[in-house]
Every structure is written in structure tokens, then in C-alpha cells.
Amino acid sequence: MFLPIAYYNRAFIPHEEICISPLDLGVQRGYSVFDFFKIKNLSNPWFDWYYERLLSSCEATGIQLGLKNKELLEIIQEILKQNKTRDAYIKVIVSAGKSTSGYHVESERSILMLAMPISPASEELYKKGGALMTSHYKRDIPNIKTTNYMHSAMLAPLMKEEGFIDVLYHYDGLISEASRCNFFIVKDGIVYTPGEKILQGITRKRLLSMTNLPSPIVERDIKVEELSQASESFITSTTKGILPIVKVDDKPIGAGIPGPTTLLLMERINTF
């Protein structure tokens, strides 16, 4: 899954040789954040957006990133060059560093960067659409990209067994997001997506920033019962772009096939 060469605390080394201290607060307390960059031809047109989100996550949690935009890009480019590729996903994990007490921040942050080959979902999935399972849950700090994915990871075996591609969170009757994606529905010709208490995804941001779209996009609360009223739904993420969702739990969305609005938006987004 991972390319051989990674980056850890100022060194480019094989990822299998990386030794993370048991005193690291990311290990001891899950005190760490991350971001996930898609790099093609050693760059990304929206790199600034990814960097700003990572920096915001660090600042919100009191972790000092210590890298400027250009410095981070140069490190990422060097990882790709050492892996002899120009295209890859880069996962950047920043923890609060080592702590002898196992609780208080006592040292410089630790930073790990792992490279993965770009492998999009199958064409068949985009043609037929995927399914989500629901779960009554909300993330502790949804606007920050923390490394705490325990809830969805625990559900992963069930999702695989039942054929779901992700879990859709709802709480107090409102849909929020999938564990690794933002969520949208199409209802009465309008695209709706939750605007609060979610991770502000980069692909979501790209979509919201576009002009001349086939349908208006409105940010607002989405009630659970609206799933049965939607004609289409889809998810967005860095790895998936726009992916149609045709079923939630055991109930179809609309006609149970990717809809025209979703397909048109896919043509606009799924080109990078």
C-alpha cells in the first residue's frame, strides 16, 4: 500500500525502518492531526487549501506545524522523487511530540509523511454507484482532521461484509458526513450539503467554488428523513472525487442509479 520511502522528523527513510517513540502523544493519547494530499506531476492546483487546513488543525490543537507552505511542498516533492514517481497520495501526520508524563506537551512536534500510489475506485463503482450504512455518531471536533477514526474503523468489518463503502453519520436527526467524505443530496433540482459540524473537505470546497453549475448548491442542515425524499446523492473526497451514492442502509436513493445532476458534476470534478 505504501511506497518505500517516507519522511520522519527531517529524514527520508524506508517507512519500515521508522521507529516512533512509545512516549509520543500521538501514540499515548491520540494527540495528533493529519491531512491527505493528492499530488500529480509533483503539484496540486489546490495545494494552498490543503496546507491551510493542515495548519488550521495544528493551530486549533496547539501543535506547532513549523513548516511553511513552500517547505512542506518541497518535502513532499522530494518524497515522490525518492520513490521515483511524480504522482502519489501523501498522508501528513503531525503529533504533539514526546512526553515523559504521557499527557503534557514537552517537546517539539513529530511529523510523519507517507506516500501511497494513486488508485481510484473501480469504474464499475462510478457507473453503478455505492452504498452507505448509517451510524448515530458525531465526531468530537468535526472541523479538525484528527487521526481518531476509531468509530468507523470498528465498523469496517461490517461494512465490508455488507458491501458498504463508508459509514454516514447522523446525530439528533441530522446528517453530518461520511467518515472519510462529505455528503450531498439532490432534492427538487437543488443540491444540498451540511454546512456546519463537518470537516470542510477540499473536493467539497472545489465544488462550492465553481460557477455555471447545472444546479444550485445550498449549505444547510439535512434531516435523516430527507434521504427518502432525495432523487440523488453523492459523496466527495480527495481520493474519490465525486462518487454517486444509490443506497443508504437497505433503502435506495431515488431510482437507485446515479442521477443526471451527479453525473454532470462528476464531469466537472473527476478530472484531476
Protein backbone atom coordinates (compact mmCIF):
# COMPACT_ATOMS: atom_id res chain seq x y z
CA MET A 1 0.00 0.00 0.00
CA PHE A 2 2.75 2.46 0.91
CA LEU A 3 5.65 3.46 -1.30
CA PRO A 4 9.06 2.55 0.18
CA ILE A 5 10.47 5.95 1.12
CA ALA A 6 8.80 8.09 3.77
CA TYR A 7 9.72 11.18 5.77
CA TYR A 8 10.01 11.28 9.55
CA ASN A 9 11.36 14.19 11.59
CA ARG A 10 13.74 15.66 8.99
CA ALA A 11 14.85 12.33 7.48
CA PHE A 12 13.90 10.46 4.31
CA ILE A 13 13.97 6.77 5.19
CA PRO A 14 12.21 3.50 4.31
CA HIS A 15 8.89 3.51 6.13
CA GLU A 16 9.57 0.03 7.51
CA GLU A 17 12.56 1.46 9.42
CA ILE A 18 10.64 4.27 11.11
CA CYS A 19 10.58 3.97 14.90
CA ILE A 20 8.00 6.11 16.67
CA SER A 21 8.63 6.65 20.37
CA PRO A 22 6.18 4.97 22.74
CA LEU A 23 6.22 8.31 24.57
CA ASP A 24 4.79 10.12 21.55
CA LEU A 25 1.49 11.79 22.44
CA GLY A 26 0.02 10.57 19.17
CA VAL A 27 0.55 7.04 20.49
CA GLN A 28 -0.25 7.73 24.15
CA ARG A 29 -3.30 9.99 23.74
CA GLY A 30 -4.20 10.17 20.08
CA TYR A 31 -2.98 13.78 20.22
CA SER A 32 -2.33 14.18 16.51
CA VAL A 33 -3.79 15.60 13.32
CA PHE A 34 -3.28 14.81 9.66
CA ASP A 35 -4.08 15.79 6.12
CA PHE A 36 -4.15 13.92 2.85
CA PHE A 37 -2.68 15.46 -0.29
CA LYS A 38 -3.16 14.29 -3.87
CA ILE A 39 -0.08 15.12 -5.95
CA LYS A 40 0.04 14.77 -9.72
CA ASN A 41 3.10 15.79 -11.72
CA LEU A 42 4.68 16.92 -8.43
CA SER A 43 1.99 19.51 -7.71
CA ASN A 44 -1.65 20.21 -6.92
CA PRO A 45 -3.61 23.32 -8.02
CA TRP A 46 -5.30 23.43 -4.62
CA PHE A 47 -2.17 22.76 -2.53
CA ASP A 48 -2.69 26.01 -0.61
CA TRP A 49 -6.13 24.83 0.53
CA TYR A 50 -4.70 21.56 1.87
CA TYR A 51 -1.87 23.36 3.60
CA GLU A 52 -4.20 25.89 5.22
CA ARG A 53 -6.46 23.10 6.51
CA LEU A 54 -3.48 21.23 7.99
CA LEU A 55 -2.18 24.44 9.56
CA SER A 56 -5.64 25.22 10.95
CA SER A 57 -5.88 21.74 12.50
CA CYS A 58 -2.47 22.20 14.11
CA GLU A 59 -3.27 25.64 15.45
CA ALA A 60 -6.65 24.53 16.82
CA THR A 61 -4.98 21.70 18.77
CA GLY A 62 -1.95 23.68 19.92
CA ILE A 63 0.52 21.74 17.76
CA GLN A 64 3.27 23.75 16.08
CA LEU A 65 3.49 22.68 12.44
CA GLY A 66 6.78 24.53 11.94
CA LEU A 67 6.70 24.31 8.15
CA LYS A 68 5.74 26.99 5.69
CA ASN A 69 3.70 26.20 2.59
CA LYS A 70 6.71 26.08 0.28
CA GLU A 71 8.78 23.99 2.71
CA LEU A 72 6.04 21.36 3.00
CA LEU A 73 5.66 21.15 -0.77
CA GLU A 74 9.42 20.75 -1.23
CA ILE A 75 9.50 17.85 1.26
CA ILE A 76 6.54 16.19 -0.47
CA GLN A 77 8.20 16.61 -3.88
CA GLU A 78 11.40 15.03 -2.54
CA ILE A 79 9.44 12.05 -1.18
CA LEU A 80 7.99 11.48 -4.65
CA LYS A 81 11.38 11.85 -6.33
CA GLN A 82 12.98 9.35 -3.96
CA ASN A 83 10.14 6.95 -4.73
CA LYS A 84 10.75 7.58 -8.46
CA THR A 85 7.27 8.83 -9.18
CA ARG A 86 5.54 12.15 -9.89
CA ASP A 87 2.07 11.09 -8.73
CA ALA A 88 1.03 9.91 -5.28
CA TYR A 89 -1.16 10.45 -2.27
CA ILE A 90 0.77 11.91 0.67
CA LYS A 91 -0.52 11.44 4.20
CA VAL A 92 0.97 14.02 6.58
CA ILE A 93 0.58 13.15 10.26
CA VAL A 94 1.59 15.70 12.91
CA SER A 95 1.63 14.71 16.58
CA ALA A 96 2.28 16.82 19.68
CA GLY A 97 5.62 15.01 20.21
CA LYS A 98 7.14 13.02 23.05
CA SER A 99 6.00 13.39 26.64
CA THR A 100 7.53 11.69 29.68
CA SER A 101 4.27 12.17 31.57
CA GLY A 102 2.26 10.71 28.71
CA TYR A 103 -0.04 13.72 28.91
CA HIS A 104 1.64 17.14 28.81
CA VAL A 105 3.37 18.58 25.73
CA GLU A 106 7.09 18.64 26.48
CA SER A 107 8.91 18.58 23.15
CA GLU A 108 8.84 19.57 19.51
CA ARG A 109 6.09 18.06 17.42
CA SER A 110 6.72 14.89 15.40
CA ILE A 111 5.87 14.75 11.72
CA LEU A 112 5.45 11.70 9.52
CA MET A 113 4.73 11.68 5.78
CA LEU A 114 3.76 8.51 3.95
CA ALA A 115 3.35 8.10 0.19
CA MET A 116 0.78 5.87 -1.48
CA PRO A 117 0.16 5.16 -5.16
CA ILE A 118 -2.91 6.79 -6.65
CA SER A 119 -5.50 4.07 -7.18
CA PRO A 120 -9.02 5.37 -7.86
CA ALA A 121 -12.14 3.34 -7.18
CA SER A 122 -13.25 0.99 -9.92
CA GLU A 123 -15.05 2.37 -12.98
CA GLU A 124 -17.89 -0.03 -12.22
CA LEU A 125 -18.48 1.66 -8.85
CA TYR A 126 -18.76 5.07 -10.51
CA LYS A 127 -21.17 3.68 -13.11
CA LYS A 128 -23.44 1.84 -10.67
CA GLY A 129 -22.92 3.91 -7.52
CA GLY A 130 -22.11 2.88 -3.97
CA ALA A 131 -23.97 2.29 -0.71
CA LEU A 132 -23.54 3.80 2.76
CA MET A 133 -24.55 2.48 6.14
CA THR A 134 -25.76 4.92 8.80
CA SER A 135 -24.49 5.28 12.34
CA HIS A 136 -25.69 7.51 15.19
CA TYR A 137 -22.45 9.31 15.97
CA LYS A 138 -20.72 12.68 15.88
CA ARG A 139 -17.01 13.37 15.90
CA ASP A 140 -15.64 15.25 18.93
CA ILE A 141 -14.15 18.14 16.94
CA PRO A 142 -15.57 17.72 13.45
CA ASN A 143 -13.88 20.76 11.90
CA ILE A 144 -10.42 19.32 12.63
CA LYS A 145 -8.85 16.41 10.78
CA THR A 146 -7.67 14.35 13.75
CA THR A 147 -6.31 10.81 13.49
CA ASN A 148 -9.16 9.43 15.63
CA TYR A 149 -11.12 7.17 13.27
CA MET A 150 -11.87 4.53 15.89
CA HIS A 151 -15.64 4.51 15.35
CA SER A 152 -15.51 3.92 11.58
CA ALA A 153 -12.56 1.53 11.91
CA MET A 154 -14.59 -0.63 14.30
CA LEU A 155 -17.40 -0.71 11.74
CA ALA A 156 -15.08 -1.55 8.83
CA PRO A 157 -15.53 -5.37 9.05
CA LEU A 158 -19.33 -4.99 8.99
CA MET A 159 -19.18 -2.50 6.12
CA LYS A 160 -17.03 -4.88 4.10
CA GLU A 161 -19.31 -7.83 4.85
CA GLU A 162 -22.45 -5.90 3.87
CA GLY A 163 -20.96 -4.16 0.82
CA PHE A 164 -21.00 -0.58 2.14
CA ILE A 165 -18.21 1.74 1.04
CA ASP A 166 -18.41 4.06 4.06
CA VAL A 167 -20.47 4.99 7.10
CA LEU A 168 -22.81 8.01 7.13
CA TYR A 169 -23.00 9.81 10.46
CA HIS A 170 -26.17 11.33 11.88
CA TYR A 171 -26.93 12.80 15.29
CA ASP A 172 -30.11 14.32 16.77
CA GLY A 173 -31.89 13.67 13.50
CA LEU A 174 -29.37 15.48 11.29
CA ILE A 175 -26.99 14.05 8.71
CA SER A 176 -23.42 15.33 9.02
CA GLU A 177 -20.85 13.50 6.87
CA ALA A 178 -19.38 10.15 5.99
CA SER A 179 -16.30 9.05 7.91
CA ARG A 180 -13.96 9.97 5.05
CA CYS A 181 -16.19 12.01 2.74
CA ASN A 182 -18.61 14.91 2.59
CA PHE A 183 -22.22 14.14 1.74
CA PHE A 184 -24.70 15.73 -0.68
CA ILE A 185 -28.27 15.08 -1.75
CA VAL A 186 -30.28 16.36 -4.72
CA LYS A 187 -33.87 17.30 -3.92
CA ASP A 188 -36.32 19.16 -6.17
CA GLY A 189 -33.49 20.13 -8.50
CA ILE A 190 -31.29 21.65 -5.78
CA VAL A 191 -28.10 20.18 -4.32
CA TYR A 192 -27.89 20.31 -0.52
CA THR A 193 -24.97 19.63 1.78
CA PRO A 194 -24.48 20.15 5.53
CA GLY A 195 -22.59 23.36 6.27
CA GLU A 196 -21.74 23.01 9.97
CA LYS A 197 -20.17 20.46 12.33
CA ILE A 198 -18.37 18.74 9.46
CA LEU A 199 -14.87 18.57 8.06
CA GLN A 200 -14.53 21.15 5.31
CA GLY A 201 -13.36 18.85 2.55
CA ILE A 202 -11.18 20.15 -0.27
CA THR A 203 -13.17 18.49 -3.05
CA ARG A 204 -16.31 19.88 -1.42
CA LYS A 205 -14.69 23.33 -1.43
CA ARG A 206 -13.77 22.96 -5.09
CA LEU A 207 -17.37 22.11 -5.93
CA LEU A 208 -18.79 25.01 -3.93
CA SER A 209 -16.37 27.44 -5.61
CA MET A 210 -17.41 26.50 -9.14
CA THR A 211 -19.66 28.65 -11.31
CA ASN A 212 -22.16 27.73 -14.03
CA LEU A 213 -23.16 24.52 -12.28
CA PRO A 214 -26.20 22.57 -13.54
CA SER A 215 -27.95 23.01 -10.18
CA PRO A 216 -27.56 25.46 -7.30
CA ILE A 217 -25.76 24.15 -4.20
CA VAL A 218 -27.13 25.14 -0.80
CA GLU A 219 -25.44 24.57 2.56
CA ARG A 220 -28.00 23.71 5.23
CA ASP A 221 -28.98 21.01 7.71
CA ILE A 222 -30.15 17.75 6.16
CA LYS A 223 -32.65 15.74 8.18
CA VAL A 224 -32.43 11.95 8.19
CA GLU A 225 -35.95 11.66 6.78
CA GLU A 226 -34.90 13.67 3.73
CA LEU A 227 -32.90 10.69 2.47
CA SER A 228 -36.18 9.10 1.36
CA GLN A 229 -37.15 12.33 -0.42
CA ALA A 230 -33.88 12.78 -2.32
CA SER A 231 -33.66 11.98 -6.03
CA GLU A 232 -29.86 11.61 -5.93
CA SER A 233 -26.98 11.64 -3.50
CA PHE A 234 -23.21 11.58 -3.74
CA ILE A 235 -20.05 11.90 -1.67
CA THR A 236 -16.89 13.91 -2.27
CA SER A 237 -13.31 13.32 -1.19
CA THR A 238 -9.73 13.68 -2.35
CA THR A 239 -9.46 10.01 -3.26
CA LYS A 240 -12.92 9.57 -4.79
CA GLY A 241 -13.68 12.94 -6.35
CA ILE A 242 -17.47 12.75 -6.73
CA LEU A 243 -18.90 9.27 -6.25
CA PRO A 244 -22.64 8.51 -6.66
CA ILE A 245 -24.47 7.01 -3.69
CA VAL A 246 -27.51 4.98 -4.74
CA LYS A 247 -28.43 3.31 -1.46
CA VAL A 248 -28.29 4.15 2.25
CA ASP A 249 -28.71 1.14 4.54
CA ASP A 250 -31.28 -1.01 2.72
CA LYS A 251 -33.15 1.84 1.04
CA PRO A 252 -32.47 3.16 -2.48
CA ILE A 253 -31.89 6.85 -3.14
CA GLY A 254 -34.28 7.97 -5.86
CA ALA A 255 -34.30 5.43 -8.69
CA GLY A 256 -31.32 3.61 -7.21
CA ILE A 257 -28.94 4.66 -10.02
CA PRO A 258 -26.56 7.61 -10.46
CA GLY A 259 -28.66 10.65 -11.37
CA PRO A 260 -28.13 13.28 -14.07
CA THR A 261 -27.01 16.07 -11.73
CA THR A 262 -24.41 13.82 -10.10
CA LEU A 263 -23.12 12.68 -13.49
CA LEU A 264 -22.75 16.26 -14.74
CA LEU A 265 -20.90 17.29 -11.59
CA MET A 266 -18.62 14.27 -11.93
CA GLU A 267 -17.57 15.53 -15.36
CA ARG A 268 -16.51 18.83 -13.78
CA ILE A 269 -14.67 17.45 -10.75
CA ASN A 270 -13.30 13.99 -11.58
CA THR A 271 -10.63 15.22 -13.99
CA PHE A 272 -7.72 15.65 -11.56
